[in-house]
PDB file of N, CA and C in Angstrom:
ATOM      1  N   MET A   1     -22.434  -9.783  -2.299  1.00  0.00           N
ATOM      2  CA  MET A   1     -21.855  -8.722  -3.134  1.00  0.00           C
ATOM      3  C   MET A   1     -20.322  -8.805  -3.136  1.00  0.00           C
ATOM      4  N   LYS A   2     -19.739  -9.216  -1.996  1.00  0.00           N
ATOM      5  CA  LYS A   2     -18.285  -9.330  -1.878  1.00  0.00           C
ATOM      6  C   LYS A   2     -17.744 -10.366  -2.869  1.00  0.00           C
ATOM      7  N   ILE A   3     -18.492 -11.466  -3.026  1.00  0.00           N
ATOM      8  CA  ILE A   3     -18.071 -12.523  -3.943  1.00  0.00           C
ATOM      9  C   ILE A   3     -18.017 -11.982  -5.367  1.00  0.00           C
ATOM     10  N   ARG A   4     -19.012 -11.203  -5.740  1.00  0.00           N
ATOM     11  CA  ARG A   4     -19.054 -10.648  -7.107  1.00  0.00           C
ATOM     12  C   ARG A   4     -17.886  -9.687  -7.349  1.00  0.00           C
ATOM     13  N   SER A   5     -17.595  -8.812  -6.369  1.00  0.00           N
ATOM     14  CA  SER A   5     -16.489  -7.865  -6.562  1.00  0.00           C
ATOM     15  C   SER A   5     -15.156  -8.608  -6.643  1.00  0.00           C
ATOM     16  N   ASN A   6     -15.010  -9.711  -5.887  1.00  0.00           N
ATOM     17  CA  ASN A   6     -13.792 -10.518  -5.987  1.00  0.00           C
ATOM     18  C   ASN A   6     -13.673 -11.162  -7.366  1.00  0.00           C
ATOM     19  N   ARG A   7     -14.798 -11.644  -7.877  1.00  0.00           N
ATOM     20  CA  ARG A   7     -14.805 -12.286  -9.195  1.00  0.00           C
ATOM     21  C   ARG A   7     -14.457 -11.265 -10.290  1.00  0.00           C
ATOM     22  N   VAL A   8     -15.042 -10.080 -10.182  1.00  0.00           N
ATOM     23  CA  VAL A   8     -14.750  -9.011 -11.158  1.00  0.00           C
ATOM     24  C   VAL A   8     -13.272  -8.627 -11.058  1.00  0.00           C
ATOM     25  N   GLY A   9     -12.750  -8.547  -9.830  1.00  0.00           N
ATOM     26  CA  GLY A   9     -11.337  -8.216  -9.621  1.00  0.00           C
ATOM     27  C   GLY A   9     -10.408  -9.227 -10.261  1.00  0.00           C
ATOM     28  N   GLU A  10     -10.720 -10.512 -10.100  1.00  0.00           N
ATOM     29  CA  GLU A  10      -9.898 -11.569 -10.697  1.00  0.00           C
ATOM     30  C   GLU A  10      -9.936 -11.495 -12.228  1.00  0.00           C
ATOM     31  N   GLN A  11     -11.118 -11.273 -12.763  1.00  0.00           N
ATOM     32  CA  GLN A  11     -11.269 -11.154 -14.221  1.00  0.00           C
ATOM     33  C   GLN A  11     -10.497  -9.937 -14.738  1.00  0.00           C
ATOM     34  N   MET A  12     -10.604  -8.817 -14.015  1.00  0.00           N
ATOM     35  CA  MET A  12      -9.890  -7.604 -14.418  1.00  0.00           C
ATOM     36  C   MET A  12      -8.380  -7.819 -14.372  1.00  0.00           C
ATOM     37  N   LYS A  13      -7.906  -8.520 -13.346  1.00  0.00           N
ATOM     38  CA  LYS A  13      -6.474  -8.782 -13.203  1.00  0.00           C
ATOM     39  C   LYS A  13      -5.941  -9.517 -14.434  1.00  0.00           C
ATOM     40  N   LYS A  14      -6.680 -10.533 -14.854  1.00  0.00           N
ATOM     41  CA  LYS A  14      -6.286 -11.323 -16.020  1.00  0.00           C
ATOM     42  C   LYS A  14      -6.268 -10.450 -17.284  1.00  0.00           C
ATOM     43  N   GLU A  15      -7.351  -9.697 -17.482  1.00  0.00           N
ATOM     44  CA  GLU A  15      -7.461  -8.861 -18.686  1.00  0.00           C
ATOM     45  C   GLU A  15      -6.438  -7.727 -18.688  1.00  0.00           C
ATOM     46  N   LEU A  16      -6.226  -7.101 -17.525  1.00  0.00           N
ATOM     47  CA  LEU A  16      -5.276  -5.981 -17.443  1.00  0.00           C
ATOM     48  C   LEU A  16      -3.864  -6.418 -17.795  1.00  0.00           C
ATOM     49  N   GLY A  17      -3.479  -7.600 -17.336  1.00  0.00           N
ATOM     50  CA  GLY A  17      -2.147  -8.108 -17.668  1.00  0.00           C
ATOM     51  C   GLY A  17      -1.953  -8.184 -19.167  1.00  0.00           C
ATOM     52  N   GLU A  18      -2.967  -8.689 -19.843  1.00  0.00           N
ATOM     53  CA  GLU A  18      -2.891  -8.823 -21.295  1.00  0.00           C
ATOM     54  C   GLU A  18      -2.937  -7.457 -21.993  1.00  0.00           C
ATOM     55  N   ILE A  19      -3.815  -6.572 -21.550  1.00  0.00           N
ATOM     56  CA  ILE A  19      -3.943  -5.240 -22.170  1.00  0.00           C
ATOM     57  C   ILE A  19      -2.635  -4.467 -22.033  1.00  0.00           C
ATOM     58  N   ILE A  20      -2.071  -4.461 -20.821  1.00  0.00           N
ATOM     59  CA  ILE A  20      -0.848  -3.683 -20.575  1.00  0.00           C
ATOM     60  C   ILE A  20       0.325  -4.247 -21.373  1.00  0.00           C
ATOM     61  N   SER A  21       0.448  -5.568 -21.421  1.00  0.00           N
ATOM     62  CA  SER A  21       1.610  -6.141 -22.114  1.00  0.00           C
ATOM     63  C   SER A  21       1.468  -6.143 -23.635  1.00  0.00           C
ATOM     64  N   ARG A  22       0.235  -6.233 -24.147  1.00  0.00           N
ATOM     65  CA  ARG A  22       0.084  -6.388 -25.603  1.00  0.00           C
ATOM     66  C   ARG A  22      -0.467  -5.172 -26.335  1.00  0.00           C
ATOM     67  N   LYS A  23      -1.296  -4.377 -25.692  1.00  0.00           N
ATOM     68  CA  LYS A  23      -2.010  -3.312 -26.415  1.00  0.00           C
ATOM     69  C   LYS A  23      -1.391  -1.924 -26.254  1.00  0.00           C
ATOM     70  N   ILE A  24      -0.691  -1.682 -25.151  1.00  0.00           N
ATOM     71  CA  ILE A  24      -0.173  -0.334 -24.890  1.00  0.00           C
ATOM     72  C   ILE A  24       1.261  -0.236 -25.393  1.00  0.00           C
ATOM     73  N   LYS A  25       1.507   0.762 -26.210  1.00  0.00           N
ATOM     74  CA  LYS A  25       2.818   0.908 -26.835  1.00  0.00           C
ATOM     75  C   LYS A  25       3.618   2.092 -26.275  1.00  0.00           C
ATOM     76  N   ASP A  26       3.226   2.608 -25.104  1.00  0.00           N
ATOM     77  CA  ASP A  26       3.912   3.747 -24.495  1.00  0.00           C
ATOM     78  C   ASP A  26       5.314   3.314 -24.044  1.00  0.00           C
ATOM     79  N   PRO A  27       6.365   3.989 -24.544  1.00  0.00           N
ATOM     80  CA  PRO A  27       7.736   3.593 -24.167  1.00  0.00           C
ATOM     81  C   PRO A  27       8.055   3.803 -22.687  1.00  0.00           C
ATOM     82  N   ARG A  28       7.265   4.646 -22.012  1.00  0.00           N
ATOM     83  CA  ARG A  28       7.507   4.880 -20.578  1.00  0.00           C
ATOM     84  C   ARG A  28       7.157   3.660 -19.739  1.00  0.00           C
ATOM     85  N   ILE A  29       6.248   2.842 -20.261  1.00  0.00           N
ATOM     86  CA  ILE A  29       5.778   1.707 -19.484  1.00  0.00           C
ATOM     87  C   ILE A  29       6.764   0.561 -19.606  1.00  0.00           C
ATOM     88  N   GLY A  30       7.346   0.203 -18.456  1.00  0.00           N
ATOM     89  CA  GLY A  30       8.342  -0.865 -18.421  1.00  0.00           C
ATOM     90  C   GLY A  30       7.684  -2.225 -18.265  1.00  0.00           C
ATOM     91  N   PHE A  31       8.419  -3.132 -17.647  1.00  0.00           N
ATOM     92  CA  PHE A  31       7.917  -4.481 -17.425  1.00  0.00           C
ATOM     93  C   PHE A  31       7.000  -4.457 -16.200  1.00  0.00           C
ATOM     94  N   VAL A  32       5.704  -4.568 -16.430  1.00  0.00           N
ATOM     95  CA  VAL A  32       4.694  -4.431 -15.375  1.00  0.00           C
ATOM     96  C   VAL A  32       4.027  -5.770 -15.097  1.00  0.00           C
ATOM     97  N   THR A  33       3.844  -6.053 -13.816  1.00  0.00           N
ATOM     98  CA  THR A  33       3.061  -7.211 -13.406  1.00  0.00           C
ATOM     99  C   THR A  33       1.887  -6.713 -12.578  1.00  0.00           C
ATOM    100  N   VAL A  34       0.680  -7.113 -12.966  1.00  0.00           N
ATOM    101  CA  VAL A  34      -0.505  -6.785 -12.168  1.00  0.00           C
ATOM    102  C   VAL A  34      -0.582  -7.845 -11.080  1.00  0.00           C
ATOM    103  N   THR A  35      -0.355  -7.425  -9.823  1.00  0.00           N
ATOM    104  CA  THR A  35      -0.305  -8.390  -8.725  1.00  0.00           C
ATOM    105  C   THR A  35      -1.664  -8.621  -8.082  1.00  0.00           C
ATOM    106  N   ASP A  36      -2.532  -7.608  -8.110  1.00  0.00           N
ATOM    107  CA  ASP A  36      -3.851  -7.761  -7.499  1.00  0.00           C
ATOM    108  C   ASP A  36      -4.771  -6.649  -7.982  1.00  0.00           C
ATOM    109  N   VAL A  37      -6.064  -6.909  -7.926  1.00  0.00           N
ATOM    110  CA  VAL A  37      -7.072  -5.891  -8.226  1.00  0.00           C
ATOM    111  C   VAL A  37      -8.132  -5.984  -7.145  1.00  0.00           C
ATOM    112  N   GLU A  38      -8.349  -4.866  -6.432  1.00  0.00           N
ATOM    113  CA  GLU A  38      -9.399  -4.808  -5.413  1.00  0.00           C
ATOM    114  C   GLU A  38     -10.534  -3.945  -5.953  1.00  0.00           C
ATOM    115  N   VAL A  39     -11.693  -4.544  -6.109  1.00  0.00           N
ATOM    116  CA  VAL A  39     -12.857  -3.819  -6.628  1.00  0.00           C
ATOM    117  C   VAL A  39     -13.775  -3.503  -5.457  1.00  0.00           C
ATOM    118  N   SER A  40     -14.245  -2.251  -5.396  1.00  0.00           N
ATOM    119  CA  SER A  40     -15.148  -1.864  -4.309  1.00  0.00           C
ATOM    120  C   SER A  40     -16.462  -2.640  -4.421  1.00  0.00           C
ATOM    121  N   GLY A  41     -17.170  -2.743  -3.309  1.00  0.00           N
ATOM    122  CA  GLY A  41     -18.416  -3.511  -3.255  1.00  0.00           C
ATOM    123  C   GLY A  41     -19.450  -3.074  -4.279  1.00  0.00           C
ATOM    124  N   ASP A  42     -19.488  -1.762  -4.584  1.00  0.00           N
ATOM    125  CA  ASP A  42     -20.463  -1.248  -5.559  1.00  0.00           C
ATOM    126  C   ASP A  42     -19.923  -1.293  -6.995  1.00  0.00           C
ATOM    127  N   LEU A  43     -18.739  -1.884  -7.173  1.00  0.00           N
ATOM    128  CA  LEU A  43     -18.093  -2.041  -8.494  1.00  0.00           C
ATOM    129  C   LEU A  43     -17.793  -0.706  -9.183  1.00  0.00           C
ATOM    130  N   GLN A  44     -17.634   0.353  -8.413  1.00  0.00           N
ATOM    131  CA  GLN A  44     -17.356   1.670  -8.992  1.00  0.00           C
ATOM    132  C   GLN A  44     -15.859   1.945  -9.140  1.00  0.00           C
ATOM    133  N   ILE A  45     -15.052   1.392  -8.223  1.00  0.00           N
ATOM    134  CA  ILE A  45     -13.627   1.691  -8.200  1.00  0.00           C
ATOM    135  C   ILE A  45     -12.827   0.389  -8.173  1.00  0.00           C
ATOM    136  N   ALA A  46     -11.779   0.341  -8.992  1.00  0.00           N
ATOM    137  CA  ALA A  46     -10.872  -0.808  -8.989  1.00  0.00           C
ATOM    138  C   ALA A  46      -9.463  -0.310  -8.698  1.00  0.00           C
ATOM    139  N   LYS A  47      -8.908  -0.749  -7.570  1.00  0.00           N
ATOM    140  CA  LYS A  47      -7.518  -0.436  -7.241  1.00  0.00           C
ATOM    141  C   LYS A  47      -6.665  -1.529  -7.852  1.00  0.00           C
ATOM    142  N   VAL A  48      -5.778  -1.123  -8.756  1.00  0.00           N
ATOM    143  CA  VAL A  48      -4.927  -2.077  -9.455  1.00  0.00           C
ATOM    144  C   VAL A  48      -3.523  -1.975  -8.865  1.00  0.00           C
ATOM    145  N   PHE A  49      -3.081  -3.073  -8.258  1.00  0.00           N
ATOM    146  CA  PHE A  49      -1.750  -3.100  -7.655  1.00  0.00           C
ATOM    147  C   PHE A  49      -0.771  -3.677  -8.670  1.00  0.00           C
ATOM    148  N   ILE A  50       0.330  -2.922  -8.878  1.00  0.00           N
ATOM    149  CA  ILE A  50       1.316  -3.333  -9.876  1.00  0.00           C
ATOM    150  C   ILE A  50       2.709  -3.407  -9.261  1.00  0.00           C
ATOM    151  N   SER A  51       3.544  -4.237  -9.849  1.00  0.00           N
ATOM    152  CA  SER A  51       4.971  -4.199  -9.526  1.00  0.00           C
ATOM    153  C   SER A  51       5.685  -3.936 -10.847  1.00  0.00           C
ATOM    154  N   VAL A  52       6.754  -3.156 -10.759  1.00  0.00           N
ATOM    155  CA  VAL A  52       7.488  -2.747 -11.956  1.00  0.00           C
ATOM    156  C   VAL A  52       8.955  -3.114 -11.777  1.00  0.00           C
ATOM    157  N   LEU A  53       9.516  -3.734 -12.787  1.00  0.00           N
ATOM    158  CA  LEU A  53      10.926  -4.069 -12.761  1.00  0.00           C
ATOM    159  C   LEU A  53      11.716  -2.801 -13.036  1.00  0.00           C
ATOM    160  N   GLY A  54      12.709  -2.492 -12.204  1.00  0.00           N
ATOM    161  CA  GLY A  54      13.547  -1.323 -12.450  1.00  0.00           C
ATOM    162  C   GLY A  54      13.669  -0.424 -11.240  1.00  0.00           C
ATOM    163  N   ASP A  55      14.335   0.710 -11.457  1.00  0.00           N
ATOM    164  CA  ASP A  55      14.571   1.647 -10.359  1.00  0.00           C
ATOM    165  C   ASP A  55      13.368   2.573 -10.164  1.00  0.00           C
ATOM    166  N   GLU A  56      13.520   3.493  -9.218  1.00  0.00           N
ATOM    167  CA  GLU A  56      12.414   4.391  -8.858  1.00  0.00           C
ATOM    168  C   GLU A  56      11.956   5.237 -10.050  1.00  0.00           C
ATOM    169  N   GLU A  57      12.901   5.703 -10.875  1.00  0.00           N
ATOM    170  CA  GLU A  57      12.549   6.515 -12.041  1.00  0.00           C
ATOM    171  C   GLU A  57      11.691   5.709 -13.023  1.00  0.00           C
ATOM    172  N   GLN A  58      12.082   4.458 -13.262  1.00  0.00           N
ATOM    173  CA  GLN A  58      11.305   3.606 -14.163  1.00  0.00           C
ATOM    174  C   GLN A  58       9.913   3.341 -13.592  1.00  0.00           C
ATOM    175  N   ARG A  59       9.847   3.169 -12.276  1.00  0.00           N
ATOM    176  CA  ARG A  59       8.546   2.942 -11.626  1.00  0.00           C
ATOM    177  C   ARG A  59       7.634   4.151 -11.821  1.00  0.00           C
ATOM    178  N   GLN A  60       8.191   5.355 -11.610  1.00  0.00           N
ATOM    179  CA  GLN A  60       7.383   6.575 -11.747  1.00  0.00           C
ATOM    180  C   GLN A  60       6.957   6.798 -13.197  1.00  0.00           C
ATOM    181  N   ASN A  61       7.872   6.552 -14.136  1.00  0.00           N
ATOM    182  CA  ASN A  61       7.545   6.700 -15.559  1.00  0.00           C
ATOM    183  C   ASN A  61       6.437   5.734 -15.965  1.00  0.00           C
ATOM    184  N   THR A  62       6.512   4.514 -15.459  1.00  0.00           N
ATOM    185  CA  THR A  62       5.491   3.512 -15.768  1.00  0.00           C
ATOM    186  C   THR A  62       4.138   3.970 -15.236  1.00  0.00           C
ATOM    187  N   LEU A  63       4.136   4.501 -14.011  1.00  0.00           N
ATOM    188  CA  LEU A  63       2.889   4.980 -13.412  1.00  0.00           C
ATOM    189  C   LEU A  63       2.296   6.123 -14.238  1.00  0.00           C
ATOM    190  N   LYS A  64       3.154   7.041 -14.709  1.00  0.00           N
ATOM    191  CA  LYS A  64       2.686   8.151 -15.563  1.00  0.00           C
ATOM    192  C   LYS A  64       2.091   7.619 -16.869  1.00  0.00           C
ATOM    193  N   GLY A  65       2.786   6.679 -17.475  1.00  0.00           N
ATOM    194  CA  GLY A  65       2.318   6.091 -18.736  1.00  0.00           C
ATOM    195  C   GLY A  65       0.980   5.388 -18.562  1.00  0.00           C
ATOM    196  N   LEU A  66       0.838   4.630 -17.470  1.00  0.00           N
ATOM    197  CA  LEU A  66      -0.422   3.927 -17.208  1.00  0.00           C
ATOM    198  C   LEU A  66      -1.552   4.917 -16.926  1.00  0.00           C
ATOM    199  N   SER A  67      -1.235   5.987 -16.194  1.00  0.00           N
ATOM    200  CA  SER A  67      -2.259   6.999 -15.911  1.00  0.00           C
ATOM    201  C   SER A  67      -2.744   7.661 -17.190  1.00  0.00           C
ATOM    202  N   LYS A  68      -1.818   7.906 -18.108  1.00  0.00           N
ATOM    203  CA  LYS A  68      -2.165   8.523 -19.390  1.00  0.00           C
ATOM    204  C   LYS A  68      -3.049   7.580 -20.221  1.00  0.00           C
ATOM    205  N   ALA A  69      -2.809   6.272 -20.096  1.00  0.00           N
ATOM    206  CA  ALA A  69      -3.547   5.283 -20.888  1.00  0.00           C
ATOM    207  C   ALA A  69      -4.806   4.783 -20.181  1.00  0.00           C
ATOM    208  N   LYS A  70      -5.124   5.380 -19.038  1.00  0.00           N
ATOM    209  CA  LYS A  70      -6.252   4.913 -18.214  1.00  0.00           C
ATOM    210  C   LYS A  70      -7.570   4.831 -18.974  1.00  0.00           C
ATOM    211  N   GLY A  71      -7.862   5.831 -19.783  1.00  0.00           N
ATOM    212  CA  GLY A  71      -9.105   5.848 -20.553  1.00  0.00           C
ATOM    213  C   GLY A  71      -9.166   4.692 -21.538  1.00  0.00           C
ATOM    214  N   PHE A  72      -8.052   4.473 -22.241  1.00  0.00           N
ATOM    215  CA  PHE A  72      -7.980   3.374 -23.198  1.00  0.00           C
ATOM    216  C   PHE A  72      -8.120   2.028 -22.482  1.00  0.00           C
ATOM    217  N   ILE A  73      -7.412   1.887 -21.361  1.00  0.00           N
ATOM    218  CA  ILE A  73      -7.455   0.638 -20.596  1.00  0.00           C
ATOM    219  C   ILE A  73      -8.877   0.367 -20.116  1.00  0.00           C
ATOM    220  N   ARG A  74      -9.525   1.406 -19.632  1.00  0.00           N
ATOM    221  CA  ARG A  74     -10.891   1.260 -19.122  1.00  0.00           C
ATOM    222  C   ARG A  74     -11.853   0.839 -20.233  1.00  0.00           C
ATOM    223  N   SER A  75     -11.694   1.432 -21.418  1.00  0.00           N
ATOM    224  CA  SER A  75     -12.594   1.056 -22.519  1.00  0.00           C
ATOM    225  C   SER A  75     -12.333  -0.378 -22.972  1.00  0.00           C
ATOM    226  N   GLU A  76     -11.061  -0.802 -22.961  1.00  0.00           N
ATOM    227  CA  GLU A  76     -10.722  -2.195 -23.296  1.00  0.00           C
ATOM    228  C   GLU A  76     -11.362  -3.159 -22.287  1.00  0.00           C
ATOM    229  N   ILE A  77     -11.261  -2.810 -21.016  1.00  0.00           N
ATOM    230  CA  ILE A  77     -11.870  -3.640 -19.953  1.00  0.00           C
ATOM    231  C   ILE A  77     -13.385  -3.706 -20.178  1.00  0.00           C
ATOM    232  N   GLY A  78     -13.976  -2.568 -20.505  1.00  0.00           N
ATOM    233  CA  GLY A  78     -15.420  -2.502 -20.752  1.00  0.00           C
ATOM    234  C   GLY A  78     -15.865  -3.420 -21.881  1.00  0.00           C
ATOM    235  N   GLN A  79     -15.027  -3.549 -22.912  1.00  0.00           N
ATOM    236  CA  GLN A  79     -15.356  -4.426 -24.038  1.00  0.00           C
ATOM    237  C   GLN A  79     -15.191  -5.894 -23.667  1.00  0.00           C
ATOM    238  N   ARG A  80     -14.228  -6.184 -22.798  1.00  0.00           N
ATOM    239  CA  ARG A  80     -13.912  -7.581 -22.467  1.00  0.00           C
ATOM    240  C   ARG A  80     -14.769  -8.145 -21.339  1.00  0.00           C
ATOM    241  N   ILE A  81     -15.156  -7.297 -20.403  1.00  0.00           N
ATOM    242  CA  ILE A  81     -15.951  -7.766 -19.260  1.00  0.00           C
ATOM    243  C   ILE A  81     -17.326  -7.121 -19.338  1.00  0.00           C
ATOM    244  N   ARG A  82     -18.341  -7.932 -19.295  1.00  0.00           N
ATOM    245  CA  ARG A  82     -19.709  -7.410 -19.390  1.00  0.00           C
ATOM    246  C   ARG A  82     -20.184  -6.864 -18.038  1.00  0.00           C
ATOM    247  N   LEU A  83     -20.092  -5.557 -17.891  1.00  0.00           N
ATOM    248  CA  LEU A  83     -20.595  -4.880 -16.690  1.00  0.00           C
ATOM    249  C   LEU A  83     -21.428  -3.692 -17.145  1.00  0.00           C
ATOM    250  N   ARG A  84     -22.397  -3.316 -16.316  1.00  0.00           N
ATOM    251  CA  ARG A  84     -23.208  -2.155 -16.662  1.00  0.00           C
ATOM    252  C   ARG A  84     -22.337  -0.909 -16.729  1.00  0.00           C
ATOM    253  N   LYS A  85     -21.425  -0.780 -15.759  1.00  0.00           N
ATOM    254  CA  LYS A  85     -20.523   0.371 -15.719  1.00  0.00           C
ATOM    255  C   LYS A  85     -19.119  -0.129 -15.388  1.00  0.00           C
ATOM    256  N   THR A  86     -18.156   0.257 -16.196  1.00  0.00           N
ATOM    257  CA  THR A  86     -16.774  -0.163 -15.964  1.00  0.00           C
ATOM    258  C   THR A  86     -16.202   0.633 -14.789  1.00  0.00           C
ATOM    259  N   PRO A  87     -15.572  -0.053 -13.828  1.00  0.00           N
ATOM    260  CA  PRO A  87     -15.029   0.663 -12.656  1.00  0.00           C
ATOM    261  C   PRO A  87     -13.951   1.677 -13.021  1.00  0.00           C
ATOM    262  N   GLU A  88     -13.865   2.727 -12.225  1.00  0.00           N
ATOM    263  CA  GLU A  88     -12.783   3.709 -12.329  1.00  0.00           C
ATOM    264  C   GLU A  88     -11.512   2.991 -11.894  1.00  0.00           C
ATOM    265  N   ILE A  89     -10.415   3.176 -12.639  1.00  0.00           N
ATOM    266  CA  ILE A  89      -9.176   2.450 -12.350  1.00  0.00           C
ATOM    267  C   ILE A  89      -8.171   3.355 -11.646  1.00  0.00           C
ATOM    268  N   LEU A  90      -7.634   2.859 -10.535  1.00  0.00           N
ATOM    269  CA  LEU A  90      -6.579   3.556  -9.800  1.00  0.00           C
ATOM    270  C   LEU A  90      -5.368   2.637  -9.741  1.00  0.00           C
ATOM    271  N   PHE A  91      -4.226   3.123 -10.204  1.00  0.00           N
ATOM    272  CA  PHE A  91      -3.010   2.306 -10.159  1.00  0.00           C
ATOM    273  C   PHE A  91      -2.217   2.631  -8.905  1.00  0.00           C
ATOM    274  N   GLU A  92      -1.717   1.586  -8.225  1.00  0.00           N
ATOM    275  CA  GLU A  92      -0.876   1.752  -7.043  1.00  0.00           C
ATOM    276  C   GLU A  92       0.231   0.717  -7.099  1.00  0.00           C
ATOM    277  N   PHE A  93       1.385   1.079  -6.516  1.00  0.00           N
ATOM    278  CA  PHE A  93       2.470   0.099  -6.440  1.00  0.00           C
ATOM    279  C   PHE A  93       2.157  -0.916  -5.364  1.00  0.00           C
ATOM    280  N   ASP A  94       2.478  -2.167  -5.649  1.00  0.00           N
ATOM    281  CA  ASP A  94       2.314  -3.226  -4.658  1.00  0.00           C
ATOM    282  C   ASP A  94       3.576  -3.243  -3.806  1.00  0.00           C
ATOM    283  N   GLU A  95       3.459  -2.657  -2.630  1.00  0.00           N
ATOM    284  CA  GLU A  95       4.623  -2.548  -1.749  1.00  0.00           C
ATOM    285  C   GLU A  95       4.948  -3.876  -1.083  1.00  0.00           C
ATOM    286  N   SER A  96       4.027  -4.831  -1.101  1.00  0.00           N
ATOM    287  CA  SER A  96       4.247  -6.098  -0.396  1.00  0.00           C
ATOM    288  C   SER A  96       5.429  -6.872  -0.978  1.00  0.00           C
ATOM    289  N   ILE A  97       5.668  -6.742  -2.280  1.00  0.00           N
ATOM    290  CA  ILE A  97       6.790  -7.451  -2.899  1.00  0.00           C
ATOM    291  C   ILE A  97       8.109  -6.868  -2.401  1.00  0.00           C
ATOM    292  N   ASP A  98       8.212  -5.520  -2.406  1.00  0.00           N
ATOM    293  CA  ASP A  98       9.419  -4.873  -1.888  1.00  0.00           C
ATOM    294  C   ASP A  98       9.613  -5.217  -0.416  1.00  0.00           C
ATOM    295  N   TYR A  99       8.526  -5.210   0.320  1.00  0.00           N
ATOM    296  CA  TYR A  99       8.562  -5.517   1.750  1.00  0.00           C
ATOM    297  C   TYR A  99       9.055  -6.951   1.959  1.00  0.00           C
ATOM    298  N   GLY A 100       8.533  -7.875   1.189  1.00  0.00           N
ATOM    299  CA  GLY A 100       8.955  -9.270   1.269  1.00  0.00           C
ATOM    300  C   GLY A 100      10.426  -9.445   0.917  1.00  0.00           C
ATOM    301  N   ASN A 101      10.878  -8.742  -0.125  1.00  0.00           N
ATOM    302  CA  ASN A 101      12.291  -8.804  -0.512  1.00  0.00           C
ATOM    303  C   ASN A 101      13.189  -8.255   0.588  1.00  0.00           C
ATOM    304  N   ARG A 102      12.744  -7.178   1.223  1.00  0.00           N
ATOM    305  CA  ARG A 102      13.514  -6.567   2.318  1.00  0.00           C
ATOM    306  C   ARG A 102      13.634  -7.543   3.486  1.00  0.00           C
ATOM    307  N   ILE A 103      12.539  -8.200   3.850  1.00  0.00           N
ATOM    308  CA  ILE A 103      12.564  -9.191   4.938  1.00  0.00           C
ATOM    309  C   ILE A 103      13.494 -10.340   4.569  1.00  0.00           C
ATOM    310  N   ASP A 104      13.412 -10.790   3.326  1.00  0.00           N
ATOM    311  CA  ASP A 104      14.261 -11.872   2.848  1.00  0.00           C
ATOM    312  C   ASP A 104      15.745 -11.501   2.971  1.00  0.00           C
ATOM    313  N   THR A 105      16.093 -10.278   2.567  1.00  0.00           N
ATOM    314  CA  THR A 105      17.472  -9.799   2.654  1.00  0.00           C
ATOM    315  C   THR A 105      17.941  -9.768   4.104  1.00  0.00           C
ATOM    316  N   LEU A 106      17.092  -9.255   5.000  1.00  0.00           N
ATOM    317  CA  LEU A 106      17.448  -9.188   6.416  1.00  0.00           C
ATOM    318  C   LEU A 106      17.660 -10.584   6.998  1.00  0.00           C
ATOM    319  N   LEU A 107      16.805 -11.532   6.625  1.00  0.00           N
ATOM    320  CA  LEU A 107      16.954 -12.905   7.119  1.00  0.00           C
ATOM    321  C   LEU A 107      18.267 -13.524   6.642  1.00  0.00           C
ATOM    322  N   HIS A 108      18.635 -13.277   5.380  1.00  0.00           N
ATOM    323  CA  HIS A 108      19.904 -13.793   4.855  1.00  0.00           C
ATOM    324  C   HIS A 108      21.088 -13.179   5.595  1.00  0.00           C
ATOM    325  N   GLN A 109      21.016 -11.888   5.902  1.00  0.00           N
ATOM    326  CA  GLN A 109      22.087 -11.218   6.647  1.00  0.00           C
ATOM    327  C   GLN A 109      22.230 -11.832   8.037  1.00  0.00           C
ATOM    328  N   LEU A 110      21.109 -12.024   8.709  1.00  0.00           N
ATOM    329  CA  LEU A 110      21.135 -12.618  10.049  1.00  0.00           C
ATOM    330  C   LEU A 110      21.740 -14.019  10.018  1.00  0.00           C
ATOM    331  N   ARG A 111      21.326 -14.815   9.028  1.00  0.00           N
ATOM    332  CA  ARG A 111      21.836 -16.177   8.899  1.00  0.00           C
ATOM    333  C   ARG A 111      23.352 -16.168   8.698  1.00  0.00           C
ATOM    334  N   ARG A 112      23.826 -15.252   7.839  1.00  0.00           N
ATOM    335  CA  ARG A 112      25.262 -15.136   7.572  1.00  0.00           C
ATOM    336  C   ARG A 112      26.028 -14.745   8.842  1.00  0.00           C
ATOM    337  N   GLU A 113      25.473 -13.765   9.574  1.00  0.00           N
ATOM    338  CA  GLU A 113      26.126 -13.304  10.814  1.00  0.00           C
ATOM    339  C   GLU A 113      26.173 -14.423  11.852  1.00  0.00           C
ATOM    340  N   ASN A 114      25.122 -15.223  11.932  1.00  0.00           N
ATOM    341  CA  ASN A 114      25.101 -16.318  12.899  1.00  0.00           C
ATOM    342  C   ASN A 114      26.096 -17.414  12.545  1.00  0.00           C
ATOM    343  N   GLN A 115      26.357 -17.611  11.264  1.00  0.00           N
ATOM    344  CA  GLN A 115      27.300 -18.640  10.828  1.00  0.00           C
ATOM    345  C   GLN A 115      28.760 -18.232  11.081  1.00  0.00           C
ATOM    346  N   GLU A 116      28.981 -16.924  11.139  1.00  0.00           N
ATOM    347  CA  GLU A 116      30.357 -16.430  11.322  1.00  0.00           C
ATOM    348  C   GLU A 116      30.806 -16.468  12.729  1.00  0.00           C
TER     349      GLU A 116
END
């Protein structure tokens, strides 16, 4: 069952990227990258991890816009992926990118301090 949920997650990730960038015209939604999709074992819930280019306000506006378009996005996914029931979609920020950038910045600072 885990293999199937991973496969559905990968398919959803691909489709969501296209739906968000091409089909949704909400001005609140900025430049969004779908970084991962985790689908529960029973295929009922899909956690969609996103990264958004911009400041905190742009990130929050994008999240609001995506939440408002959730029904449309879900129906688009339902048409593109053949499942008995389309999973409920939950959007979350992918903190791993920010975390990675923070570590990268700290490493550069340390390297600079050691060279001085």
